[in-house]
Amino acid sequence: MKNLTIGLFGFGVVGEGIYQVLKDKPGLKTTVKKVCIRDINKDRNAPAHIFTDQPAELLFDPDINVIVELIDDAEAALPIVKAAMEQGKSVVSANKKMIAENHAELIELQQTFDISFLYEAAVCGSIPIIRNLEEYFDNDLLNYVCGIVNGSTNYILSKMQTEHLDYQVALEEAQKNGFAESDPTLDVEGIDAAFKLSIIALHAFGELVNPYQIPREGISQLQTEDIESATALEKKVKLIARAQHHDGELELSIKPELVGDDCILSEVNNEYNGVLLGSSLADEQFLYGKGAGRYPTASAVLSDISALRYGYRYEYRKFNRVNSVPSLVSIP
């Protein structure tokens, strides 16, 4: 078990939370040495000397052995993560877009420089789905993974169903409560779910998938009448991400589906996520937890940081070829 010295990129609600937890729990033997931010003149709830606007101060500091990347901009995050790996530093990230768009390259860098690259927080918030797929289901044959992987859209649909709000009012309430961005396109059009599903597909089935090739349909076109029709059928509308093997092919989709009381996903409401794992040996497993908000994300990031103390890394054992990265598969 080793001590960790962290260079932290981003000091928003999650980044500050991570800093405070590590500061208040010295028993974790993990410290944040430096934090890189955009506005160096902004007052922060931490000593001024730990902040910088120069990424190199973190990336090339030999004392820092872990980079925690918590910035929103995927394009800006990628060179940071790559440079950290090239310097032999392990990386923890929550940036699902950056990971999904560059997964093959990032895996190759991890293998080349023999470091850990963990990103549990990028998929389903507080639900430990990636580690379960990597470890518990490593030697089991999965038939499907499906579920609710976007807390923002689930919150909107829940409000439309339980409080009979129309789509726009429900969206505005989600934005007010911090469950949806001012520009909600990534969430409501299913793009965010596609990023997560492509990551899940790698760990569940060993296949790299281009997230932009996943057939998807969002919820922005749903009307109150659609929700009422579902209610009349004693069903609920849920945005379902689905990956399953069919006739030897991996099929993926993101779309609203009618879910009845006979499926546990019908009880997953508001900002919560729920994922079903269909296994040849263990039948069906269900994972449930908060998928949106600062605390679920912080919980997953802290879990990854803790795992690094024991040298944990994803081994991607489901890849068919050893010591190589497969090409992106096309969606049938």
C-alpha atoms as a PDB file:
ATOM      1  CA  MET A   1       0.000   0.000   0.000  1.00  0.00           C
ATOM      2  CA  LYS A   2       1.626   3.230  -1.125  1.00  0.00           C
ATOM      3  CA  ASN A   3       1.234   6.902  -0.325  1.00  0.00           C
ATOM      4  CA  LEU A   4      -0.301   9.042  -3.042  1.00  0.00           C
ATOM      5  CA  THR A   5       0.563  12.618  -3.929  1.00  0.00           C
ATOM      6  CA  ILE A   6      -2.092  14.117  -6.150  1.00  0.00           C
ATOM      7  CA  GLY A   7      -2.116  16.818  -8.766  1.00  0.00           C
ATOM      8  CA  LEU A   8      -5.732  17.913  -9.166  1.00  0.00           C
ATOM      9  CA  PHE A   9      -7.141  19.501 -12.319  1.00  0.00           C
ATOM     10  CA  GLY A  10     -10.359  21.371 -11.568  1.00  0.00           C
ATOM     11  CA  PHE A  11     -11.678  22.767  -8.293  1.00  0.00           C
ATOM     12  CA  GLY A  12     -15.421  22.796  -8.814  1.00  0.00           C
ATOM     13  CA  VAL A  13     -17.867  21.200  -6.414  1.00  0.00           C
ATOM     14  CA  VAL A  14     -16.411  17.721  -6.944  1.00  0.00           C
ATOM     15  CA  GLY A  15     -12.769  18.807  -6.940  1.00  0.00           C
ATOM     16  CA  GLU A  16     -13.161  20.866  -3.779  1.00  0.00           C
ATOM     17  CA  GLY A  17     -14.996  18.008  -2.113  1.00  0.00           C
ATOM     18  CA  ILE A  18     -12.186  15.596  -2.950  1.00  0.00           C
ATOM     19  CA  TYR A  19      -9.622  18.051  -1.571  1.00  0.00           C
ATOM     20  CA  GLN A  20     -11.494  18.545   1.704  1.00  0.00           C
ATOM     21  CA  VAL A  21     -12.052  14.826   2.302  1.00  0.00           C
ATOM     22  CA  LEU A  22      -8.394  13.994   1.729  1.00  0.00           C
ATOM     23  CA  LYS A  23      -7.284  16.905   3.937  1.00  0.00           C
ATOM     24  CA  ASP A  24      -9.563  15.839   6.789  1.00  0.00           C
ATOM     25  CA  LYS A  25      -8.615  12.154   6.634  1.00  0.00           C
ATOM     26  CA  PRO A  26      -4.829  11.873   6.989  1.00  0.00           C
ATOM     27  CA  GLY A  27      -5.237   8.146   7.572  1.00  0.00           C
ATOM     28  CA  LEU A  28      -5.810   7.754   3.840  1.00  0.00           C
ATOM     29  CA  LYS A  29      -2.145   8.721   3.331  1.00  0.00           C
ATOM     30  CA  THR A  30      -3.147  10.723   0.276  1.00  0.00           C
ATOM     31  CA  THR A  31      -2.452  14.429  -0.171  1.00  0.00           C
ATOM     32  CA  VAL A  32      -3.236  17.031  -2.807  1.00  0.00           C
ATOM     33  CA  LYS A  33      -0.010  18.901  -3.521  1.00  0.00           C
ATOM     34  CA  LYS A  34      -1.148  21.158  -6.375  1.00  0.00           C
ATOM     35  CA  VAL A  35      -4.407  22.202  -8.036  1.00  0.00           C
ATOM     36  CA  CYS A  36      -4.563  23.562 -11.584  1.00  0.00           C
ATOM     37  CA  ILE A  37      -7.397  26.018 -12.304  1.00  0.00           C
ATOM     38  CA  ARG A  38      -8.264  28.507 -15.033  1.00  0.00           C
ATOM     39  CA  ASP A  39      -8.757  31.625 -12.889  1.00  0.00           C
ATOM     40  CA  ILE A  40      -5.851  31.946 -10.499  1.00  0.00           C
ATOM     41  CA  ASN A  41      -7.282  35.161  -8.993  1.00  0.00           C
ATOM     42  CA  LYS A  42     -10.556  33.649  -7.812  1.00  0.00           C
ATOM     43  CA  ASP A  43     -10.891  33.110  -4.079  1.00  0.00           C
ATOM     44  CA  ARG A  44     -10.910  29.430  -3.135  1.00  0.00           C
ATOM     45  CA  ASN A  45     -11.593  27.525   0.045  1.00  0.00           C
ATOM     46  CA  ALA A  46      -8.010  26.288   0.290  1.00  0.00           C
ATOM     47  CA  PRO A  47      -4.514  27.767   0.761  1.00  0.00           C
ATOM     48  CA  ALA A  48      -3.521  30.009  -2.136  1.00  0.00           C
ATOM     49  CA  HIS A  49      -0.079  28.423  -2.562  1.00  0.00           C
ATOM     50  CA  ILE A  50      -1.503  25.111  -3.826  1.00  0.00           C
ATOM     51  CA  PHE A  51      -3.155  26.735  -6.865  1.00  0.00           C
ATOM     52  CA  THR A  52      -1.654  27.351 -10.276  1.00  0.00           C
ATOM     53  CA  ASP A  53      -2.822  27.975 -13.810  1.00  0.00           C
ATOM     54  CA  GLN A  54       0.192  26.182 -15.272  1.00  0.00           C
ATOM     55  CA  PRO A  55      -0.475  22.473 -16.022  1.00  0.00           C
ATOM     56  CA  ALA A  56       3.260  21.761 -16.248  1.00  0.00           C
ATOM     57  CA  GLU A  57       3.640  22.397 -12.508  1.00  0.00           C
ATOM     58  CA  LEU A  58       1.574  19.263 -11.915  1.00  0.00           C
ATOM     59  CA  LEU A  59       2.505  17.148 -14.903  1.00  0.00           C
ATOM     60  CA  PHE A  60       6.272  17.454 -14.471  1.00  0.00           C
ATOM     61  CA  ASP A  61       6.492  17.441 -10.679  1.00  0.00           C
ATOM     62  CA  PRO A  62       8.339  14.213  -9.752  1.00  0.00           C
ATOM     63  CA  ASP A  63       6.654  14.136  -6.329  1.00  0.00           C
ATOM     64  CA  ILE A  64       3.180  13.913  -7.855  1.00  0.00           C
ATOM     65  CA  ASN A  65       2.359  10.311  -8.754  1.00  0.00           C
ATOM     66  CA  VAL A  66      -1.372  10.658  -9.470  1.00  0.00           C
ATOM     67  CA  ILE A  67      -3.303  13.100 -11.644  1.00  0.00           C
ATOM     68  CA  VAL A  68      -7.016  13.504 -10.901  1.00  0.00           C
ATOM     69  CA  GLU A  69      -8.732  15.138 -13.877  1.00  0.00           C
ATOM     70  CA  LEU A  70     -12.095  16.771 -13.092  1.00  0.00           C
ATOM     71  CA  ILE A  71     -12.577  19.413 -15.782  1.00  0.00           C
ATOM     72  CA  ASP A  72     -15.611  19.666 -18.055  1.00  0.00           C
ATOM     73  CA  ASP A  73     -13.830  20.252 -21.369  1.00  0.00           C
ATOM     74  CA  ALA A  74     -13.045  16.908 -23.069  1.00  0.00           C
ATOM     75  CA  GLU A  75     -10.741  18.525 -25.637  1.00  0.00           C
ATOM     76  CA  ALA A  76      -8.714  20.219 -22.906  1.00  0.00           C
ATOM     77  CA  ALA A  77      -8.686  17.094 -20.729  1.00  0.00           C
ATOM     78  CA  LEU A  78      -7.182  14.777 -23.341  1.00  0.00           C
ATOM     79  CA  PRO A  79      -3.681  16.339 -23.589  1.00  0.00           C
ATOM     80  CA  ILE A  80      -3.549  16.566 -19.794  1.00  0.00           C
ATOM     81  CA  VAL A  81      -4.314  12.873 -19.367  1.00  0.00           C
ATOM     82  CA  LYS A  82      -1.928  11.830 -22.136  1.00  0.00           C
ATOM     83  CA  ALA A  83       0.914  13.938 -20.740  1.00  0.00           C
ATOM     84  CA  ALA A  84       0.345  12.530 -17.255  1.00  0.00           C
ATOM     85  CA  MET A  85       0.546   8.957 -18.543  1.00  0.00           C
ATOM     86  CA  GLU A  86       3.684   9.724 -20.540  1.00  0.00           C
ATOM     87  CA  GLN A  87       5.264  10.981 -17.297  1.00  0.00           C
ATOM     88  CA  GLY A  88       4.430   7.684 -15.594  1.00  0.00           C
ATOM     89  CA  LYS A  89       1.648   9.091 -13.441  1.00  0.00           C
ATOM     90  CA  SER A  90      -1.560   7.169 -12.814  1.00  0.00           C
ATOM     91  CA  VAL A  91      -4.768   8.971 -13.744  1.00  0.00           C
ATOM     92  CA  VAL A  92      -8.288   9.167 -12.321  1.00  0.00           C
ATOM     93  CA  SER A  93     -10.885  10.815 -14.559  1.00  0.00           C
ATOM     94  CA  ALA A  94     -14.642  11.425 -14.621  1.00  0.00           C
ATOM     95  CA  ASN A  95     -14.665  12.701 -18.204  1.00  0.00           C
ATOM     96  CA  LYS A  96     -16.911  10.231 -20.060  1.00  0.00           C
ATOM     97  CA  LYS A  97     -16.776  12.130 -23.367  1.00  0.00           C
ATOM     98  CA  MET A  98     -12.995  12.251 -23.416  1.00  0.00           C
ATOM     99  CA  ILE A  99     -12.734   8.567 -22.528  1.00  0.00           C
ATOM    100  CA  ALA A 100     -15.376   7.336 -24.979  1.00  0.00           C
ATOM    101  CA  GLU A 101     -13.932   9.320 -27.881  1.00  0.00           C
ATOM    102  CA  ASN A 102     -10.318   8.261 -27.248  1.00  0.00           C
ATOM    103  CA  HIS A 103     -10.591   4.913 -25.488  1.00  0.00           C
ATOM    104  CA  ALA A 104      -8.264   2.929 -27.754  1.00  0.00           C
ATOM    105  CA  GLU A 105      -5.455   5.484 -27.527  1.00  0.00           C
ATOM    106  CA  LEU A 106      -5.802   5.830 -23.757  1.00  0.00           C
ATOM    107  CA  ILE A 107      -5.671   2.074 -23.204  1.00  0.00           C
ATOM    108  CA  GLU A 108      -2.572   1.836 -25.358  1.00  0.00           C
ATOM    109  CA  LEU A 109      -0.901   4.610 -23.347  1.00  0.00           C
ATOM    110  CA  GLN A 110      -1.786   2.856 -20.101  1.00  0.00           C
ATOM    111  CA  GLN A 111      -0.189  -0.336 -21.356  1.00  0.00           C
ATOM    112  CA  THR A 112       2.862   1.393 -22.828  1.00  0.00           C
ATOM    113  CA  PHE A 113       3.713   3.375 -19.693  1.00  0.00           C
ATOM    114  CA  ASP A 114       2.565   0.696 -17.229  1.00  0.00           C
ATOM    115  CA  ILE A 115       0.302   2.899 -15.116  1.00  0.00           C
ATOM    116  CA  SER A 116      -3.308   2.826 -13.896  1.00  0.00           C
ATOM    117  CA  PHE A 117      -6.127   4.710 -15.598  1.00  0.00           C
ATOM    118  CA  LEU A 118      -9.363   4.559 -13.591  1.00  0.00           C
ATOM    119  CA  TYR A 119     -12.706   6.191 -14.398  1.00  0.00           C
ATOM    120  CA  GLU A 120     -15.513   4.683 -12.338  1.00  0.00           C
ATOM    121  CA  ALA A 121     -17.008   8.174 -11.904  1.00  0.00           C
ATOM    122  CA  ALA A 122     -17.499   8.502 -15.669  1.00  0.00           C
ATOM    123  CA  VAL A 123     -20.330   5.947 -15.717  1.00  0.00           C
ATOM    124  CA  CYS A 124     -23.447   5.900 -13.502  1.00  0.00           C
ATOM    125  CA  GLY A 125     -22.199   8.102 -10.676  1.00  0.00           C
ATOM    126  CA  SER A 126     -22.023   6.176  -7.428  1.00  0.00           C
ATOM    127  CA  ILE A 127     -22.741   2.747  -8.962  1.00  0.00           C
ATOM    128  CA  PRO A 128     -19.530   0.638  -9.131  1.00  0.00           C
ATOM    129  CA  ILE A 129     -20.419  -0.880 -12.484  1.00  0.00           C
ATOM    130  CA  ILE A 130     -17.011  -0.853 -14.175  1.00  0.00           C
ATOM    131  CA  ARG A 131     -15.221  -2.629 -11.358  1.00  0.00           C
ATOM    132  CA  ASN A 132     -18.026  -5.196 -11.146  1.00  0.00           C
ATOM    133  CA  LEU A 133     -17.742  -5.884 -14.861  1.00  0.00           C
ATOM    134  CA  GLU A 134     -13.957  -6.067 -14.642  1.00  0.00           C
ATOM    135  CA  GLU A 135     -13.771  -8.329 -11.604  1.00  0.00           C
ATOM    136  CA  TYR A 136     -16.970 -10.134 -10.668  1.00  0.00           C
ATOM    137  CA  PHE A 137     -18.108 -10.815 -14.230  1.00  0.00           C
ATOM    138  CA  ASP A 138     -14.640 -11.315 -15.676  1.00  0.00           C
ATOM    139  CA  ASN A 139     -15.058 -15.063 -16.186  1.00  0.00           C
ATOM    140  CA  ASP A 140     -18.811 -15.111 -16.609  1.00  0.00           C
ATOM    141  CA  LEU A 141     -20.627 -14.922 -19.932  1.00  0.00           C
ATOM    142  CA  LEU A 142     -22.758 -11.795 -20.047  1.00  0.00           C
ATOM    143  CA  ASN A 143     -25.727 -11.794 -22.381  1.00  0.00           C
ATOM    144  CA  TYR A 144     -26.803  -8.195 -21.896  1.00  0.00           C
ATOM    145  CA  VAL A 145     -26.353  -4.991 -19.943  1.00  0.00           C
ATOM    146  CA  CYS A 146     -29.247  -2.565 -19.947  1.00  0.00           C
ATOM    147  CA  GLY A 147     -30.592   0.182 -17.790  1.00  0.00           C
ATOM    148  CA  ILE A 148     -30.962   3.833 -16.900  1.00  0.00           C
ATOM    149  CA  VAL A 149     -27.552   5.483 -17.085  1.00  0.00           C
ATOM    150  CA  ASN A 150     -28.463   9.175 -17.254  1.00  0.00           C
ATOM    151  CA  GLY A 151     -29.843  10.761 -14.107  1.00  0.00           C
ATOM    152  CA  SER A 152     -30.900  13.996 -15.804  1.00  0.00           C
ATOM    153  CA  THR A 153     -33.292  12.392 -18.267  1.00  0.00           C
ATOM    154  CA  ASN A 154     -34.613  10.018 -15.634  1.00  0.00           C
ATOM    155  CA  TYR A 155     -35.371  12.990 -13.377  1.00  0.00           C
ATOM    156  CA  ILE A 156     -37.259  14.721 -16.198  1.00  0.00           C
ATOM    157  CA  LEU A 157     -39.260  11.604 -17.073  1.00  0.00           C
ATOM    158  CA  SER A 158     -40.068  10.966 -13.422  1.00  0.00           C
ATOM    159  CA  LYS A 159     -41.468  14.473 -13.004  1.00  0.00           C
ATOM    160  CA  MET A 160     -43.518  14.127 -16.186  1.00  0.00           C
ATOM    161  CA  GLN A 161     -44.955  10.851 -14.925  1.00  0.00           C
ATOM    162  CA  THR A 162     -45.530  11.516 -11.227  1.00  0.00           C
ATOM    163  CA  GLU A 163     -46.343  15.240 -11.254  1.00  0.00           C
ATOM    164  CA  HIS A 164     -47.829  15.429 -14.765  1.00  0.00           C
ATOM    165  CA  LEU A 165     -45.450  18.194 -15.821  1.00  0.00           C
ATOM    166  CA  ASP A 166     -44.878  18.857 -19.479  1.00  0.00           C
ATOM    167  CA  TYR A 167     -41.399  18.281 -20.880  1.00  0.00           C
ATOM    168  CA  GLN A 168     -40.182  21.891 -20.791  1.00  0.00           C
ATOM    169  CA  VAL A 169     -41.298  22.502 -17.202  1.00  0.00           C
ATOM    170  CA  ALA A 170     -39.702  19.244 -16.053  1.00  0.00           C
ATOM    171  CA  LEU A 171     -36.472  20.165 -17.847  1.00  0.00           C
ATOM    172  CA  GLU A 172     -36.375  23.583 -16.193  1.00  0.00           C
ATOM    173  CA  GLU A 173     -36.856  21.966 -12.792  1.00  0.00           C
ATOM    174  CA  ALA A 174     -33.981  19.573 -13.508  1.00  0.00           C
ATOM    175  CA  GLN A 175     -31.783  22.530 -14.422  1.00  0.00           C
ATOM    176  CA  LYS A 176     -32.821  24.438 -11.298  1.00  0.00           C
ATOM    177  CA  ASN A 177     -31.868  21.488  -9.093  1.00  0.00           C
ATOM    178  CA  GLY A 178     -28.518  20.962 -10.793  1.00  0.00           C
ATOM    179  CA  PHE A 179     -29.424  17.720 -12.562  1.00  0.00           C
ATOM    180  CA  ALA A 180     -29.279  19.188 -16.073  1.00  0.00           C
ATOM    181  CA  GLU A 181     -26.953  21.680 -17.738  1.00  0.00           C
ATOM    182  CA  SER A 182     -28.047  25.042 -19.139  1.00  0.00           C
ATOM    183  CA  ASP A 183     -27.545  23.379 -22.541  1.00  0.00           C
ATOM    184  CA  PRO A 184     -29.117  19.951 -21.926  1.00  0.00           C
ATOM    185  CA  THR A 185     -28.490  18.561 -25.422  1.00  0.00           C
ATOM    186  CA  LEU A 186     -25.981  15.887 -24.385  1.00  0.00           C
ATOM    187  CA  ASP A 187     -28.433  14.504 -21.854  1.00  0.00           C
ATOM    188  CA  VAL A 188     -31.840  14.786 -23.506  1.00  0.00           C
ATOM    189  CA  GLU A 189     -30.676  13.596 -26.944  1.00  0.00           C
ATOM    190  CA  GLY A 190     -29.054  10.478 -25.496  1.00  0.00           C
ATOM    191  CA  ILE A 191     -25.474  11.470 -26.328  1.00  0.00           C
ATOM    192  CA  ASP A 192     -24.265  11.288 -22.741  1.00  0.00           C
ATOM    193  CA  ALA A 193     -25.849   7.836 -22.437  1.00  0.00           C
ATOM    194  CA  ALA A 194     -24.056   6.753 -25.618  1.00  0.00           C
ATOM    195  CA  PHE A 195     -20.685   7.774 -24.143  1.00  0.00           C
ATOM    196  CA  LYS A 196     -21.420   5.678 -21.055  1.00  0.00           C
ATOM    197  CA  LEU A 197     -22.735   2.718 -23.041  1.00  0.00           C
ATOM    198  CA  SER A 198     -19.598   2.587 -25.190  1.00  0.00           C
ATOM    199  CA  ILE A 199     -17.486   2.417 -22.012  1.00  0.00           C
ATOM    200  CA  ILE A 200     -19.747  -0.269 -20.564  1.00  0.00           C
ATOM    201  CA  ALA A 201     -19.510  -2.289 -23.802  1.00  0.00           C
ATOM    202  CA  LEU A 202     -15.732  -2.447 -23.497  1.00  0.00           C
ATOM    203  CA  HIS A 203     -15.746  -3.733 -19.931  1.00  0.00           C
ATOM    204  CA  ALA A 204     -18.759  -6.020 -20.384  1.00  0.00           C
ATOM    205  CA  PHE A 205     -17.976  -7.535 -23.789  1.00  0.00           C
ATOM    206  CA  GLY A 206     -14.382  -6.587 -24.592  1.00  0.00           C
ATOM    207  CA  GLU A 207     -15.276  -4.489 -27.630  1.00  0.00           C
ATOM    208  CA  LEU A 208     -14.404  -0.880 -28.328  1.00  0.00           C
ATOM    209  CA  VAL A 209     -17.327   0.995 -29.839  1.00  0.00           C
ATOM    210  CA  ASN A 210     -17.549   4.419 -31.434  1.00  0.00           C
ATOM    211  CA  PRO A 211     -20.193   6.186 -29.303  1.00  0.00           C
ATOM    212  CA  TYR A 212     -21.392   8.203 -32.303  1.00  0.00           C
ATOM    213  CA  GLN A 213     -22.300   4.998 -34.142  1.00  0.00           C
ATOM    214  CA  ILE A 214     -24.678   3.820 -31.425  1.00  0.00           C
ATOM    215  CA  PRO A 215     -28.296   4.197 -32.628  1.00  0.00           C
ATOM    216  CA  ARG A 216     -29.986   6.597 -30.260  1.00  0.00           C
ATOM    217  CA  GLU A 217     -33.204   8.467 -29.664  1.00  0.00           C
ATOM    218  CA  GLY A 218     -33.556  11.021 -26.888  1.00  0.00           C
ATOM    219  CA  ILE A 219     -36.528  12.302 -24.915  1.00  0.00           C
ATOM    220  CA  SER A 220     -36.862  15.843 -26.245  1.00  0.00           C
ATOM    221  CA  GLN A 221     -39.717  14.902 -28.566  1.00  0.00           C
ATOM    222  CA  LEU A 222     -41.805  13.221 -25.887  1.00  0.00           C
ATOM    223  CA  GLN A 223     -45.148  14.859 -25.194  1.00  0.00           C
ATOM    224  CA  THR A 224     -47.472  14.731 -22.213  1.00  0.00           C
ATOM    225  CA  GLU A 225     -49.758  12.531 -24.303  1.00  0.00           C
ATOM    226  CA  ASP A 226     -47.001   9.925 -24.632  1.00  0.00           C
ATOM    227  CA  ILE A 227     -46.639   9.732 -20.864  1.00  0.00           C
ATOM    228  CA  GLU A 228     -50.414   9.512 -20.407  1.00  0.00           C
ATOM    229  CA  SER A 229     -50.614   6.680 -22.933  1.00  0.00           C
ATOM    230  CA  ALA A 230     -47.909   4.775 -21.078  1.00  0.00           C
ATOM    231  CA  THR A 231     -49.745   5.305 -17.784  1.00  0.00           C
ATOM    232  CA  ALA A 232     -52.947   3.952 -19.307  1.00  0.00           C
ATOM    233  CA  LEU A 233     -51.004   0.792 -20.166  1.00  0.00           C
ATOM    234  CA  GLU A 234     -49.684   0.658 -16.572  1.00  0.00           C
ATOM    235  CA  LYS A 235     -46.170   1.304 -17.807  1.00  0.00           C
ATOM    236  CA  LYS A 236     -43.521   3.998 -17.444  1.00  0.00           C
ATOM    237  CA  VAL A 237     -41.318   5.632 -20.051  1.00  0.00           C
ATOM    238  CA  LYS A 238     -37.590   5.251 -19.346  1.00  0.00           C
ATOM    239  CA  LEU A 239     -34.564   6.145 -21.456  1.00  0.00           C
ATOM    240  CA  ILE A 240     -32.855   2.747 -21.718  1.00  0.00           C
ATOM    241  CA  ALA A 241     -29.265   2.102 -22.730  1.00  0.00           C
ATOM    242  CA  ARG A 242     -28.955  -1.459 -24.009  1.00  0.00           C
ATOM    243  CA  ALA A 243     -26.050  -3.668 -25.049  1.00  0.00           C
ATOM    244  CA  GLN A 244     -26.728  -7.319 -25.861  1.00  0.00           C
ATOM    245  CA  HIS A 245     -25.430 -10.188 -27.920  1.00  0.00           C
ATOM    246  CA  HIS A 246     -27.769 -11.376 -30.659  1.00  0.00           C
ATOM    247  CA  ASP A 247     -26.809 -14.001 -33.252  1.00  0.00           C
ATOM    248  CA  GLY A 248     -23.148 -13.467 -32.441  1.00  0.00           C
ATOM    249  CA  GLU A 249     -23.299  -9.692 -32.883  1.00  0.00           C
ATOM    250  CA  LEU A 250     -23.150  -6.966 -30.260  1.00  0.00           C
ATOM    251  CA  GLU A 251     -26.210  -4.738 -30.575  1.00  0.00           C
ATOM    252  CA  LEU A 252     -26.390  -1.383 -28.817  1.00  0.00           C
ATOM    253  CA  SER A 253     -29.111   1.244 -28.564  1.00  0.00           C
ATOM    254  CA  ILE A 254     -30.280   4.273 -26.610  1.00  0.00           C
ATOM    255  CA  LYS A 255     -34.014   4.953 -26.749  1.00  0.00           C
ATOM    256  CA  PRO A 256     -37.152   5.570 -24.658  1.00  0.00           C
ATOM    257  CA  GLU A 257     -38.861   2.296 -23.802  1.00  0.00           C
ATOM    258  CA  LEU A 258     -42.082   1.297 -22.054  1.00  0.00           C
ATOM    259  CA  VAL A 259     -41.240  -0.451 -18.789  1.00  0.00           C
ATOM    260  CA  GLY A 260     -43.821  -2.390 -16.815  1.00  0.00           C
ATOM    261  CA  ASP A 261     -44.089  -3.249 -13.132  1.00  0.00           C
ATOM    262  CA  ASP A 262     -42.566  -6.645 -13.848  1.00  0.00           C
ATOM    263  CA  CYS A 263     -39.194  -4.915 -14.455  1.00  0.00           C
ATOM    264  CA  ILE A 264     -37.318  -3.399 -11.533  1.00  0.00           C
ATOM    265  CA  LEU A 265     -36.197  -0.492 -13.733  1.00  0.00           C
ATOM    266  CA  SER A 266     -39.747   0.881 -13.427  1.00  0.00           C
ATOM    267  CA  GLU A 267     -38.926   1.728  -9.800  1.00  0.00           C
ATOM    268  CA  VAL A 268     -35.783   3.721 -10.654  1.00  0.00           C
ATOM    269  CA  ASN A 269     -36.890   7.343 -10.357  1.00  0.00           C
ATOM    270  CA  ASN A 270     -35.572  10.904 -10.274  1.00  0.00           C
ATOM    271  CA  GLU A 271     -31.777  11.251 -10.551  1.00  0.00           C
ATOM    272  CA  TYR A 272     -31.130   7.599  -9.741  1.00  0.00           C
ATOM    273  CA  ASN A 273     -29.582   5.101 -12.145  1.00  0.00           C
ATOM    274  CA  GLY A 274     -30.241   1.385 -12.367  1.00  0.00           C
ATOM    275  CA  VAL A 275     -28.460  -1.250 -14.446  1.00  0.00           C
ATOM    276  CA  LEU A 276     -29.420  -4.870 -15.132  1.00  0.00           C
ATOM    277  CA  LEU A 277     -26.707  -7.418 -15.918  1.00  0.00           C
ATOM    278  CA  GLY A 278     -27.901 -10.571 -17.668  1.00  0.00           C
ATOM    279  CA  SER A 279     -25.558 -13.480 -17.100  1.00  0.00           C
ATOM    280  CA  SER A 280     -25.493 -17.034 -18.413  1.00  0.00           C
ATOM    281  CA  LEU A 281     -24.472 -18.363 -15.011  1.00  0.00           C
ATOM    282  CA  ALA A 282     -25.734 -15.858 -12.433  1.00  0.00           C
ATOM    283  CA  ASP A 283     -29.012 -14.994 -14.185  1.00  0.00           C
ATOM    284  CA  GLU A 284     -29.865 -11.309 -13.635  1.00  0.00           C
ATOM    285  CA  GLN A 285     -28.151  -8.845 -11.295  1.00  0.00           C
ATOM    286  CA  PHE A 286     -29.286  -5.309 -10.496  1.00  0.00           C
ATOM    287  CA  LEU A 287     -27.129  -2.314  -9.573  1.00  0.00           C
ATOM    288  CA  TYR A 288     -28.779   0.841  -8.235  1.00  0.00           C
ATOM    289  CA  GLY A 289     -27.629   4.238  -7.008  1.00  0.00           C
ATOM    290  CA  LYS A 290     -27.518   7.967  -7.594  1.00  0.00           C
ATOM    291  CA  GLY A 291     -26.290   8.810 -11.060  1.00  0.00           C
ATOM    292  CA  ALA A 292     -26.184  12.592 -10.913  1.00  0.00           C
ATOM    293  CA  GLY A 293     -24.908  15.176  -8.446  1.00  0.00           C
ATOM    294  CA  ARG A 294     -21.665  16.177  -6.760  1.00  0.00           C
ATOM    295  CA  TYR A 295     -21.637  13.559  -3.996  1.00  0.00           C
ATOM    296  CA  PRO A 296     -22.133  10.424  -6.129  1.00  0.00           C
ATOM    297  CA  THR A 297     -19.361  11.584  -8.468  1.00  0.00           C
ATOM    298  CA  ALA A 298     -17.065  12.422  -5.561  1.00  0.00           C
ATOM    299  CA  SER A 299     -17.741   9.013  -4.029  1.00  0.00           C
ATOM    300  CA  ALA A 300     -16.658   7.220  -7.207  1.00  0.00           C
ATOM    301  CA  VAL A 301     -13.543   9.386  -7.598  1.00  0.00           C
ATOM    302  CA  LEU A 302     -12.521   8.707  -4.005  1.00  0.00           C
ATOM    303  CA  SER A 303     -13.042   4.988  -4.567  1.00  0.00           C
ATOM    304  CA  ASP A 304     -10.661   5.078  -7.526  1.00  0.00           C
ATOM    305  CA  ILE A 305      -8.073   7.057  -5.564  1.00  0.00           C
ATOM    306  CA  SER A 306      -8.280   4.533  -2.736  1.00  0.00           C
ATOM    307  CA  ALA A 307      -7.852   1.652  -5.203  1.00  0.00           C
ATOM    308  CA  LEU A 308      -4.646   3.217  -6.507  1.00  0.00           C
ATOM    309  CA  ARG A 309      -3.067   2.816  -3.077  1.00  0.00           C
ATOM    310  CA  TYR A 310      -3.204  -0.925  -3.721  1.00  0.00           C
ATOM    311  CA  GLY A 311      -1.949  -0.634  -7.299  1.00  0.00           C
ATOM    312  CA  TYR A 312      -5.320  -1.490  -8.838  1.00  0.00           C
ATOM    313  CA  ARG A 313      -5.806  -1.166 -12.583  1.00  0.00           C
ATOM    314  CA  TYR A 314      -8.235  -2.317 -15.230  1.00  0.00           C
ATOM    315  CA  GLU A 315      -6.794  -5.346 -17.002  1.00  0.00           C
ATOM    316  CA  TYR A 316      -9.262  -5.491 -19.908  1.00  0.00           C
ATOM    317  CA  ARG A 317      -9.070  -9.276 -19.848  1.00  0.00           C
ATOM    318  CA  LYS A 318     -12.037  -9.590 -22.186  1.00  0.00           C
ATOM    319  CA  PHE A 319     -10.002  -8.364 -25.119  1.00  0.00           C
ATOM    320  CA  ASN A 320      -9.394 -11.207 -27.533  1.00  0.00           C
ATOM    321  CA  ARG A 321      -5.847 -10.175 -28.320  1.00  0.00           C
ATOM    322  CA  VAL A 322      -3.146 -10.001 -25.652  1.00  0.00           C
ATOM    323  CA  ASN A 323      -1.030  -6.843 -25.337  1.00  0.00           C
ATOM    324  CA  SER A 324      -2.794  -5.082 -28.184  1.00  0.00           C
ATOM    325  CA  VAL A 325      -5.721  -2.755 -28.603  1.00  0.00           C
ATOM    326  CA  PRO A 326      -8.514  -3.874 -30.932  1.00  0.00           C
ATOM    327  CA  SER A 327      -9.975  -1.658 -33.592  1.00  0.00           C
ATOM    328  CA  LEU A 328     -13.277   0.063 -33.099  1.00  0.00           C
ATOM    329  CA  VAL A 329     -16.137  -2.255 -34.008  1.00  0.00           C
ATOM    330  CA  SER A 330     -18.925  -1.140 -36.280  1.00  0.00           C
ATOM    331  CA  ILE A 331     -22.485  -1.278 -35.006  1.00  0.00           C
ATOM    332  CA  PRO A 332     -24.620  -3.697 -37.021  1.00  0.00           C
END
